[in-house]
Amino acid sequence: MAASDHKAIIAFGEGGNPDTIQAAYNLAINKICKPILLGARSRIFSMAESKGIDLNSVEIEVVDYSTITKNALKTYAEKIYEKTCRQGMTYEDAE
């Protein structure tokens, strides 16, 4: 597998924001990275539709906050902390 086969993954915490959806869509259609939109699934799809964006036509993952377990949130917080602790983020901020 070539290095170019490994796409970066970028998670957007404000997945329901129209500008965020547009940016994620642009990144996905240009195959720059694999975007993940975090937020209320229904709102994300509604906002995308209002902008004429079909999220099912591109490689974008939508993660609904309400479906994430506390265990998964803890795992995400630990990963964020590991990557940002040198930049001054505390574990409490990551949670």
PDB file of N, CA and C in Angstrom:
ATOM      1  N   MET A   1       0.843  -1.176   0.000  1.00  0.00           N
ATOM      2  CA  MET A   1       0.000   0.000   0.000  1.00  0.00           C
ATOM      3  C   MET A   1       0.891   1.244   0.000  1.00  0.00           C
ATOM      4  N   ALA A   2       0.650   2.130  -0.909  1.00  0.00           N
ATOM      5  CA  ALA A   2       1.439   3.357  -1.022  1.00  0.00           C
ATOM      6  C   ALA A   2       1.065   4.345   0.054  1.00  0.00           C
ATOM      7  N   ALA A   3       2.007   5.222   0.386  1.00  0.00           N
ATOM      8  CA  ALA A   3       1.745   6.243   1.411  1.00  0.00           C
ATOM      9  C   ALA A   3       0.547   7.102   1.033  1.00  0.00           C
ATOM     10  N   SER A   4       0.346   7.332  -0.254  1.00  0.00           N
ATOM     11  CA  SER A   4      -0.770   8.172  -0.698  1.00  0.00           C
ATOM     12  C   SER A   4      -2.129   7.507  -0.469  1.00  0.00           C
ATOM     13  N   ASP A   5      -2.126   6.176  -0.176  1.00  0.00           N
ATOM     14  CA  ASP A   5      -3.381   5.478   0.095  1.00  0.00           C
ATOM     15  C   ASP A   5      -3.908   5.775   1.493  1.00  0.00           C
ATOM     16  N   HIS A   6      -3.063   6.320   2.355  1.00  0.00           N
ATOM     17  CA  HIS A   6      -3.460   6.631   3.729  1.00  0.00           C
ATOM     18  C   HIS A   6      -3.940   8.074   3.795  1.00  0.00           C
ATOM     19  N   LYS A   7      -5.242   8.235   3.912  1.00  0.00           N
ATOM     20  CA  LYS A   7      -5.810   9.575   4.013  1.00  0.00           C
ATOM     21  C   LYS A   7      -5.840  10.022   5.460  1.00  0.00           C
ATOM     22  N   ALA A   8      -5.589  11.290   5.671  1.00  0.00           N
ATOM     23  CA  ALA A   8      -5.745  11.859   7.002  1.00  0.00           C
ATOM     24  C   ALA A   8      -7.230  11.855   7.342  1.00  0.00           C
ATOM     25  N   ILE A   9      -7.516  11.782   8.619  1.00  0.00           N
ATOM     26  CA  ILE A   9      -8.894  11.847   9.102  1.00  0.00           C
ATOM     27  C   ILE A   9      -9.006  13.117   9.936  1.00  0.00           C
ATOM     28  N   ILE A  10      -9.996  13.944   9.600  1.00  0.00           N
ATOM     29  CA  ILE A  10     -10.208  15.185  10.339  1.00  0.00           C
ATOM     30  C   ILE A  10     -11.635  15.183  10.876  1.00  0.00           C
ATOM     31  N   ALA A  11     -11.748  15.369  12.194  1.00  0.00           N
ATOM     32  CA  ALA A  11     -13.072  15.434  12.832  1.00  0.00           C
ATOM     33  C   ALA A  11     -13.443  16.888  13.064  1.00  0.00           C
ATOM     34  N   PHE A  12     -14.651  17.238  12.667  1.00  0.00           N
ATOM     35  CA  PHE A  12     -15.173  18.589  12.834  1.00  0.00           C
ATOM     36  C   PHE A  12     -16.224  18.575  13.935  1.00  0.00           C
ATOM     37  N   GLY A  13     -15.940  19.257  15.040  1.00  0.00           N
ATOM     38  CA  GLY A  13     -16.830  19.262  16.196  1.00  0.00           C
ATOM     39  C   GLY A  13     -18.129  20.009  15.989  1.00  0.00           C
ATOM     40  N   GLU A  14     -18.176  20.911  15.021  1.00  0.00           N
ATOM     41  CA  GLU A  14     -19.397  21.668  14.751  1.00  0.00           C
ATOM     42  C   GLU A  14     -20.000  21.187  13.435  1.00  0.00           C
ATOM     43  N   GLY A  15     -20.318  19.898  13.406  1.00  0.00           N
ATOM     44  CA  GLY A  15     -20.795  19.261  12.186  1.00  0.00           C
ATOM     45  C   GLY A  15     -22.083  19.813  11.627  1.00  0.00           C
ATOM     46  N   GLY A  16     -22.889  20.478  12.439  1.00  0.00           N
ATOM     47  CA  GLY A  16     -24.149  21.034  11.967  1.00  0.00           C
ATOM     48  C   GLY A  16     -24.034  22.424  11.373  1.00  0.00           C
ATOM     49  N   ASN A  17     -22.845  22.980  11.386  1.00  0.00           N
ATOM     50  CA  ASN A  17     -22.614  24.315  10.833  1.00  0.00           C
ATOM     51  C   ASN A  17     -22.525  24.218   9.307  1.00  0.00           C
ATOM     52  N   PRO A  18     -23.289  25.037   8.573  1.00  0.00           N
ATOM     53  CA  PRO A  18     -23.288  24.959   7.108  1.00  0.00           C
ATOM     54  C   PRO A  18     -21.898  25.135   6.488  1.00  0.00           C
ATOM     55  N   ASP A  19     -21.097  26.036   7.035  1.00  0.00           N
ATOM     56  CA  ASP A  19     -19.745  26.244   6.491  1.00  0.00           C
ATOM     57  C   ASP A  19     -18.854  25.034   6.744  1.00  0.00           C
ATOM     58  N   THR A  20     -19.042  24.400   7.891  1.00  0.00           N
ATOM     59  CA  THR A  20     -18.274  23.199   8.215  1.00  0.00           C
ATOM     60  C   THR A  20     -18.652  22.061   7.277  1.00  0.00           C
ATOM     61  N   ILE A  21     -19.934  21.915   7.014  1.00  0.00           N
ATOM     62  CA  ILE A  21     -20.407  20.876   6.093  1.00  0.00           C
ATOM     63  C   ILE A  21     -19.832  21.111   4.704  1.00  0.00           C
ATOM     64  N   GLN A  22     -19.851  22.358   4.254  1.00  0.00           N
ATOM     65  CA  GLN A  22     -19.308  22.683   2.931  1.00  0.00           C
ATOM     66  C   GLN A  22     -17.813  22.370   2.870  1.00  0.00           C
ATOM     67  N   ALA A  23     -17.073  22.738   3.923  1.00  0.00           N
ATOM     68  CA  ALA A  23     -15.633  22.478   3.955  1.00  0.00           C
ATOM     69  C   ALA A  23     -15.349  20.973   3.935  1.00  0.00           C
ATOM     70  N   ALA A  24     -16.098  20.218   4.736  1.00  0.00           N
ATOM     71  CA  ALA A  24     -15.912  18.767   4.778  1.00  0.00           C
ATOM     72  C   ALA A  24     -16.219  18.147   3.416  1.00  0.00           C
ATOM     73  N   TYR A  25     -17.269  18.620   2.783  1.00  0.00           N
ATOM     74  CA  TYR A  25     -17.646  18.123   1.455  1.00  0.00           C
ATOM     75  C   TYR A  25     -16.538  18.401   0.441  1.00  0.00           C
ATOM     76  N   ASN A  26     -16.013  19.615   0.464  1.00  0.00           N
ATOM     77  CA  ASN A  26     -14.932  19.970  -0.467  1.00  0.00           C
ATOM     78  C   ASN A  26     -13.698  19.099  -0.243  1.00  0.00           C
ATOM     79  N   LEU A  27     -13.361  18.854   1.015  1.00  0.00           N
ATOM     80  CA  LEU A  27     -12.215  17.991   1.328  1.00  0.00           C
ATOM     81  C   LEU A  27     -12.453  16.574   0.812  1.00  0.00           C
ATOM     82  N   ALA A  28     -13.677  16.080   0.980  1.00  0.00           N
ATOM     83  CA  ALA A  28     -14.001  14.712   0.566  1.00  0.00           C
ATOM     84  C   ALA A  28     -14.017  14.554  -0.949  1.00  0.00           C
ATOM     85  N   ILE A  29     -14.659  15.490  -1.666  1.00  0.00           N
ATOM     86  CA  ILE A  29     -14.734  15.324  -3.128  1.00  0.00           C
ATOM     87  C   ILE A  29     -13.366  15.486  -3.790  1.00  0.00           C
ATOM     88  N   ASN A  30     -12.483  16.233  -3.148  1.00  0.00           N
ATOM     89  CA  ASN A  30     -11.127  16.389  -3.674  1.00  0.00           C
ATOM     90  C   ASN A  30     -10.168  15.334  -3.127  1.00  0.00           C
ATOM     91  N   LYS A  31     -10.713  14.398  -2.348  1.00  0.00           N
ATOM     92  CA  LYS A  31      -9.958  13.278  -1.784  1.00  0.00           C
ATOM     93  C   LYS A  31      -8.728  13.735  -1.004  1.00  0.00           C
ATOM     94  N   ILE A  32      -8.879  14.852  -0.282  1.00  0.00           N
ATOM     95  CA  ILE A  32      -7.789  15.399   0.529  1.00  0.00           C
ATOM     96  C   ILE A  32      -7.698  14.661   1.855  1.00  0.00           C
ATOM     97  N   CYS A  33      -8.841  14.328   2.423  1.00  0.00           N
ATOM     98  CA  CYS A  33      -8.885  13.599   3.693  1.00  0.00           C
ATOM     99  C   CYS A  33     -10.254  12.958   3.829  1.00  0.00           C
ATOM    100  N   LYS A  34     -10.400  12.208   4.927  1.00  0.00           N
ATOM    101  CA  LYS A  34     -11.714  11.655   5.259  1.00  0.00           C
ATOM    102  C   LYS A  34     -12.282  12.478   6.403  1.00  0.00           C
ATOM    103  N   PRO A  35     -13.255  13.354   6.130  1.00  0.00           N
ATOM    104  CA  PRO A  35     -13.852  14.172   7.188  1.00  0.00           C
ATOM    105  C   PRO A  35     -14.853  13.383   8.029  1.00  0.00           C
ATOM    106  N   ILE A  36     -14.907  13.750   9.298  1.00  0.00           N
ATOM    107  CA  ILE A  36     -15.922  13.218  10.204  1.00  0.00           C
ATOM    108  C   ILE A  36     -16.670  14.423  10.764  1.00  0.00           C
ATOM    109  N   LEU A  37     -17.975  14.426  10.598  1.00  0.00           N
ATOM    110  CA  LEU A  37     -18.816  15.497  11.131  1.00  0.00           C
ATOM    111  C   LEU A  37     -19.455  15.003  12.425  1.00  0.00           C
ATOM    112  N   LEU A  38     -19.240  15.744  13.505  1.00  0.00           N
ATOM    113  CA  LEU A  38     -19.794  15.395  14.811  1.00  0.00           C
ATOM    114  C   LEU A  38     -20.958  16.319  15.127  1.00  0.00           C
ATOM    115  N   GLY A  39     -22.073  15.747  15.551  1.00  0.00           N
ATOM    116  CA  GLY A  39     -23.221  16.567  15.897  1.00  0.00           C
ATOM    117  C   GLY A  39     -24.504  15.776  15.780  1.00  0.00           C
ATOM    118  N   ALA A  40     -25.604  16.478  15.806  1.00  0.00           N
ATOM    119  CA  ALA A  40     -26.918  15.844  15.673  1.00  0.00           C
ATOM    120  C   ALA A  40     -27.108  15.411  14.219  1.00  0.00           C
ATOM    121  N   ARG A  41     -27.206  14.115  14.006  1.00  0.00           N
ATOM    122  CA  ARG A  41     -27.271  13.552  12.652  1.00  0.00           C
ATOM    123  C   ARG A  41     -28.359  14.213  11.793  1.00  0.00           C
ATOM    124  N   SER A  42     -29.553  14.358  12.358  1.00  0.00           N
ATOM    125  CA  SER A  42     -30.663  14.927  11.584  1.00  0.00           C
ATOM    126  C   SER A  42     -30.358  16.365  11.168  1.00  0.00           C
ATOM    127  N   ARG A  43     -29.752  17.135  12.055  1.00  0.00           N
ATOM    128  CA  ARG A  43     -29.393  18.525  11.735  1.00  0.00           C
ATOM    129  C   ARG A  43     -28.330  18.575  10.645  1.00  0.00           C
ATOM    130  N   ILE A  44     -27.331  17.717  10.747  1.00  0.00           N
ATOM    131  CA  ILE A  44     -26.253  17.699   9.758  1.00  0.00           C
ATOM    132  C   ILE A  44     -26.813  17.394   8.376  1.00  0.00           C
ATOM    133  N   PHE A  45     -27.638  16.352   8.278  1.00  0.00           N
ATOM    134  CA  PHE A  45     -28.195  15.988   6.971  1.00  0.00           C
ATOM    135  C   PHE A  45     -29.162  17.049   6.451  1.00  0.00           C
ATOM    136  N   SER A  46     -29.924  17.658   7.351  1.00  0.00           N
ATOM    137  CA  SER A  46     -30.847  18.723   6.959  1.00  0.00           C
ATOM    138  C   SER A  46     -30.092  19.933   6.411  1.00  0.00           C
ATOM    139  N   MET A  47     -29.044  20.345   7.122  1.00  0.00           N
ATOM    140  CA  MET A  47     -28.238  21.496   6.675  1.00  0.00           C
ATOM    141  C   MET A  47     -27.555  21.186   5.348  1.00  0.00           C
ATOM    142  N   ALA A  48     -27.038  19.973   5.209  1.00  0.00           N
ATOM    143  CA  ALA A  48     -26.387  19.587   3.955  1.00  0.00           C
ATOM    144  C   ALA A  48     -27.381  19.639   2.797  1.00  0.00           C
ATOM    145  N   GLU A  49     -28.556  19.103   3.020  1.00  0.00           N
ATOM    146  CA  GLU A  49     -29.588  19.109   1.982  1.00  0.00           C
ATOM    147  C   GLU A  49     -29.957  20.536   1.583  1.00  0.00           C
ATOM    148  N   SER A  50     -30.045  21.433   2.568  1.00  0.00           N
ATOM    149  CA  SER A  50     -30.399  22.819   2.263  1.00  0.00           C
ATOM    150  C   SER A  50     -29.318  23.510   1.432  1.00  0.00           C
ATOM    151  N   LYS A  51     -28.100  23.004   1.490  1.00  0.00           N
ATOM    152  CA  LYS A  51     -27.004  23.546   0.683  1.00  0.00           C
ATOM    153  C   LYS A  51     -26.811  22.769  -0.620  1.00  0.00           C
ATOM    154  N   GLY A  52     -27.670  21.770  -0.865  1.00  0.00           N
ATOM    155  CA  GLY A  52     -27.571  20.979  -2.083  1.00  0.00           C
ATOM    156  C   GLY A  52     -26.446  19.952  -2.040  1.00  0.00           C
ATOM    157  N   ILE A  53     -26.064  19.540  -0.833  1.00  0.00           N
ATOM    158  CA  ILE A  53     -24.970  18.584  -0.665  1.00  0.00           C
ATOM    159  C   ILE A  53     -25.542  17.219  -0.299  1.00  0.00           C
ATOM    160  N   ASP A  54     -25.138  16.193  -1.042  1.00  0.00           N
ATOM    161  CA  ASP A  54     -25.543  14.815  -0.752  1.00  0.00           C
ATOM    162  C   ASP A  54     -24.393  14.146  -0.007  1.00  0.00           C
ATOM    163  N   LEU A  55     -24.516  14.045   1.304  1.00  0.00           N
ATOM    164  CA  LEU A  55     -23.440  13.462   2.115  1.00  0.00           C
ATOM    165  C   LEU A  55     -23.228  11.979   1.832  1.00  0.00           C
ATOM    166  N   ASN A  56     -24.226  11.331   1.270  1.00  0.00           N
ATOM    167  CA  ASN A  56     -24.091   9.909   0.948  1.00  0.00           C
ATOM    168  C   ASN A  56     -23.280   9.679  -0.327  1.00  0.00           C
ATOM    169  N   SER A  57     -22.992  10.741  -1.060  1.00  0.00           N
ATOM    170  CA  SER A  57     -22.274  10.584  -2.326  1.00  0.00           C
ATOM    171  C   SER A  57     -20.757  10.700  -2.172  1.00  0.00           C
ATOM    172  N   VAL A  58     -20.304  11.009  -0.962  1.00  0.00           N
ATOM    173  CA  VAL A  58     -18.869  11.175  -0.714  1.00  0.00           C
ATOM    174  C   VAL A  58     -18.477  10.437   0.570  1.00  0.00           C
ATOM    175  N   GLU A  59     -17.178  10.294   0.772  1.00  0.00           N
ATOM    176  CA  GLU A  59     -16.675   9.595   1.960  1.00  0.00           C
ATOM    177  C   GLU A  59     -16.581  10.556   3.144  1.00  0.00           C
ATOM    178  N   ILE A  60     -17.731  10.765   3.783  1.00  0.00           N
ATOM    179  CA  ILE A  60     -17.825  11.587   4.994  1.00  0.00           C
ATOM    180  C   ILE A  60     -18.554  10.759   6.037  1.00  0.00           C
ATOM    181  N   GLU A  61     -17.962  10.661   7.214  1.00  0.00           N
ATOM    182  CA  GLU A  61     -18.612   9.943   8.307  1.00  0.00           C
ATOM    183  C   GLU A  61     -19.357  10.958   9.167  1.00  0.00           C
ATOM    184  N   VAL A  62     -20.569  10.621   9.550  1.00  0.00           N
ATOM    185  CA  VAL A  62     -21.358  11.458  10.447  1.00  0.00           C
ATOM    186  C   VAL A  62     -21.525  10.694  11.752  1.00  0.00           C
ATOM    187  N   VAL A  63     -21.072  11.303  12.842  1.00  0.00           N
ATOM    188  CA  VAL A  63     -21.171  10.675  14.162  1.00  0.00           C
ATOM    189  C   VAL A  63     -22.121  11.508  15.008  1.00  0.00           C
ATOM    190  N   ASP A  64     -23.221  10.889  15.383  1.00  0.00           N
ATOM    191  CA  ASP A  64     -24.235  11.562  16.201  1.00  0.00           C
ATOM    192  C   ASP A  64     -23.816  11.470  17.662  1.00  0.00           C
ATOM    193  N   TYR A  65     -23.716  12.630  18.318  1.00  0.00           N
ATOM    194  CA  TYR A  65     -23.323  12.673  19.724  1.00  0.00           C
ATOM    195  C   TYR A  65     -24.174  11.750  20.592  1.00  0.00           C
ATOM    196  N   SER A  66     -25.448  11.658  20.273  1.00  0.00           N
ATOM    197  CA  SER A  66     -26.354  10.895  21.132  1.00  0.00           C
ATOM    198  C   SER A  66     -26.093   9.392  21.076  1.00  0.00           C
ATOM    199  N   THR A  67     -25.339   8.925  20.093  1.00  0.00           N
ATOM    200  CA  THR A  67     -25.083   7.489  19.965  1.00  0.00           C
ATOM    201  C   THR A  67     -23.728   7.089  20.537  1.00  0.00           C
ATOM    202  N   ILE A  68     -22.947   8.047  20.994  1.00  0.00           N
ATOM    203  CA  ILE A  68     -21.615   7.746  21.512  1.00  0.00           C
ATOM    204  C   ILE A  68     -21.727   7.349  22.982  1.00  0.00           C
ATOM    205  N   THR A  69     -21.140   6.228  23.325  1.00  0.00           N
ATOM    206  CA  THR A  69     -21.177   5.766  24.715  1.00  0.00           C
ATOM    207  C   THR A  69     -20.160   6.540  25.552  1.00  0.00           C
ATOM    208  N   LYS A  70     -20.339   6.532  26.851  1.00  0.00           N
ATOM    209  CA  LYS A  70     -19.398   7.204  27.754  1.00  0.00           C
ATOM    210  C   LYS A  70     -18.004   6.604  27.622  1.00  0.00           C
ATOM    211  N   ASN A  71     -17.930   5.302  27.381  1.00  0.00           N
ATOM    212  CA  ASN A  71     -16.638   4.645  27.195  1.00  0.00           C
ATOM    213  C   ASN A  71     -15.930   5.185  25.954  1.00  0.00           C
ATOM    214  N   ALA A  72     -16.678   5.336  24.870  1.00  0.00           N
ATOM    215  CA  ALA A  72     -16.099   5.855  23.640  1.00  0.00           C
ATOM    216  C   ALA A  72     -15.654   7.300  23.831  1.00  0.00           C
ATOM    217  N   LEU A  73     -16.455   8.098  24.538  1.00  0.00           N
ATOM    218  CA  LEU A  73     -16.079   9.487  24.798  1.00  0.00           C
ATOM    219  C   LEU A  73     -14.780   9.559  25.591  1.00  0.00           C
ATOM    220  N   LYS A  74     -14.633   8.666  26.558  1.00  0.00           N
ATOM    221  CA  LYS A  74     -13.407   8.639  27.355  1.00  0.00           C
ATOM    222  C   LYS A  74     -12.213   8.288  26.468  1.00  0.00           C
ATOM    223  N   THR A  75     -12.393   7.326  25.578  1.00  0.00           N
ATOM    224  CA  THR A  75     -11.322   6.941  24.656  1.00  0.00           C
ATOM    225  C   THR A  75     -10.940   8.104  23.755  1.00  0.00           C
ATOM    226  N   TYR A  76     -11.930   8.812  23.210  1.00  0.00           N
ATOM    227  CA  TYR A  76     -11.655   9.973  22.366  1.00  0.00           C
ATOM    228  C   TYR A  76     -10.909  11.051  23.150  1.00  0.00           C
ATOM    229  N   ALA A  77     -11.365  11.301  24.389  1.00  0.00           N
ATOM    230  CA  ALA A  77     -10.724  12.319  25.228  1.00  0.00           C
ATOM    231  C   ALA A  77      -9.269  11.963  25.481  1.00  0.00           C
ATOM    232  N   GLU A  78      -8.994  10.687  25.747  1.00  0.00           N
ATOM    233  CA  GLU A  78      -7.611  10.257  25.976  1.00  0.00           C
ATOM    234  C   GLU A  78      -6.746  10.476  24.740  1.00  0.00           C
ATOM    235  N   LYS A  79      -7.298  10.167  23.573  1.00  0.00           N
ATOM    236  CA  LYS A  79      -6.538  10.358  22.326  1.00  0.00           C
ATOM    237  C   LYS A  79      -6.282  11.841  22.060  1.00  0.00           C
ATOM    238  N   ILE A  80      -7.288  12.668  22.290  1.00  0.00           N
ATOM    239  CA  ILE A  80      -7.104  14.111  22.093  1.00  0.00           C
ATOM    240  C   ILE A  80      -6.045  14.629  23.049  1.00  0.00           C
ATOM    241  N   TYR A  81      -6.121  14.190  24.301  1.00  0.00           N
ATOM    242  CA  TYR A  81      -5.150  14.642  25.292  1.00  0.00           C
ATOM    243  C   TYR A  81      -3.731  14.225  24.904  1.00  0.00           C
ATOM    244  N   GLU A  82      -3.562  12.972  24.471  1.00  0.00           N
ATOM    245  CA  GLU A  82      -2.246  12.490  24.062  1.00  0.00           C
ATOM    246  C   GLU A  82      -1.654  13.350  22.954  1.00  0.00           C
ATOM    247  N   LYS A  83      -2.484  13.773  22.037  1.00  0.00           N
ATOM    248  CA  LYS A  83      -1.997  14.547  20.895  1.00  0.00           C
ATOM    249  C   LYS A  83      -1.797  16.025  21.201  1.00  0.00           C
ATOM    250  N   THR A  84      -2.454  16.533  22.242  1.00  0.00           N
ATOM    251  CA  THR A  84      -2.411  17.982  22.468  1.00  0.00           C
ATOM    252  C   THR A  84      -1.834  18.399  23.816  1.00  0.00           C
ATOM    253  N   CYS A  85      -1.436  17.441  24.655  1.00  0.00           N
ATOM    254  CA  CYS A  85      -0.963  17.810  25.990  1.00  0.00           C
ATOM    255  C   CYS A  85       0.289  18.681  25.931  1.00  0.00           C
ATOM    256  N   ARG A  86       1.121  18.494  24.935  1.00  0.00           N
ATOM    257  CA  ARG A  86       2.329  19.319  24.809  1.00  0.00           C
ATOM    258  C   ARG A  86       2.007  20.754  24.406  1.00  0.00           C
ATOM    259  N   GLN A  87       0.791  20.957  23.928  1.00  0.00           N
ATOM    260  CA  GLN A  87       0.369  22.295  23.511  1.00  0.00           C
ATOM    261  C   GLN A  87      -0.406  22.997  24.620  1.00  0.00           C
ATOM    262  N   GLY A  88      -0.439  22.392  25.810  1.00  0.00           N
ATOM    263  CA  GLY A  88      -1.069  23.037  26.948  1.00  0.00           C
ATOM    264  C   GLY A  88      -2.469  22.574  27.277  1.00  0.00           C
ATOM    265  N   MET A  89      -3.030  21.640  26.524  1.00  0.00           N
ATOM    266  CA  MET A  89      -4.384  21.173  26.826  1.00  0.00           C
ATOM    267  C   MET A  89      -4.341  20.223  28.014  1.00  0.00           C
ATOM    268  N   THR A  90      -5.259  20.403  28.929  1.00  0.00           N
ATOM    269  CA  THR A  90      -5.365  19.507  30.066  1.00  0.00           C
ATOM    270  C   THR A  90      -6.309  18.362  29.720  1.00  0.00           C
ATOM    271  N   TYR A  91      -6.262  17.296  30.524  1.00  0.00           N
ATOM    272  CA  TYR A  91      -7.159  16.185  30.294  1.00  0.00           C
ATOM    273  C   TYR A  91      -8.611  16.618  30.471  1.00  0.00           C
ATOM    274  N   GLU A  92      -8.849  17.505  31.418  1.00  0.00           N
ATOM    275  CA  GLU A  92     -10.208  17.993  31.654  1.00  0.00           C
ATOM    276  C   GLU A  92     -10.745  18.751  30.436  1.00  0.00           C
ATOM    277  N   ASP A  93      -9.877  19.515  29.764  1.00  0.00           N
ATOM    278  CA  ASP A  93     -10.292  20.208  28.540  1.00  0.00           C
ATOM    279  C   ASP A  93     -10.636  19.208  27.445  1.00  0.00           C
ATOM    280  N   ALA A  94      -9.868  18.138  27.358  1.00  0.00           N
ATOM    281  CA  ALA A  94     -10.090  17.130  26.321  1.00  0.00           C
ATOM    282  C   ALA A  94     -11.414  16.404  26.525  1.00  0.00           C
ATOM    283  N   GLU A  95     -11.815  16.251  27.805  1.00  0.00           N
ATOM    284  CA  GLU A  95     -13.089  15.573  28.078  1.00  0.00           C
ATOM    285  C   GLU A  95     -14.224  16.433  27.605  1.00  0.00           C
TER     286      GLU A  95
END
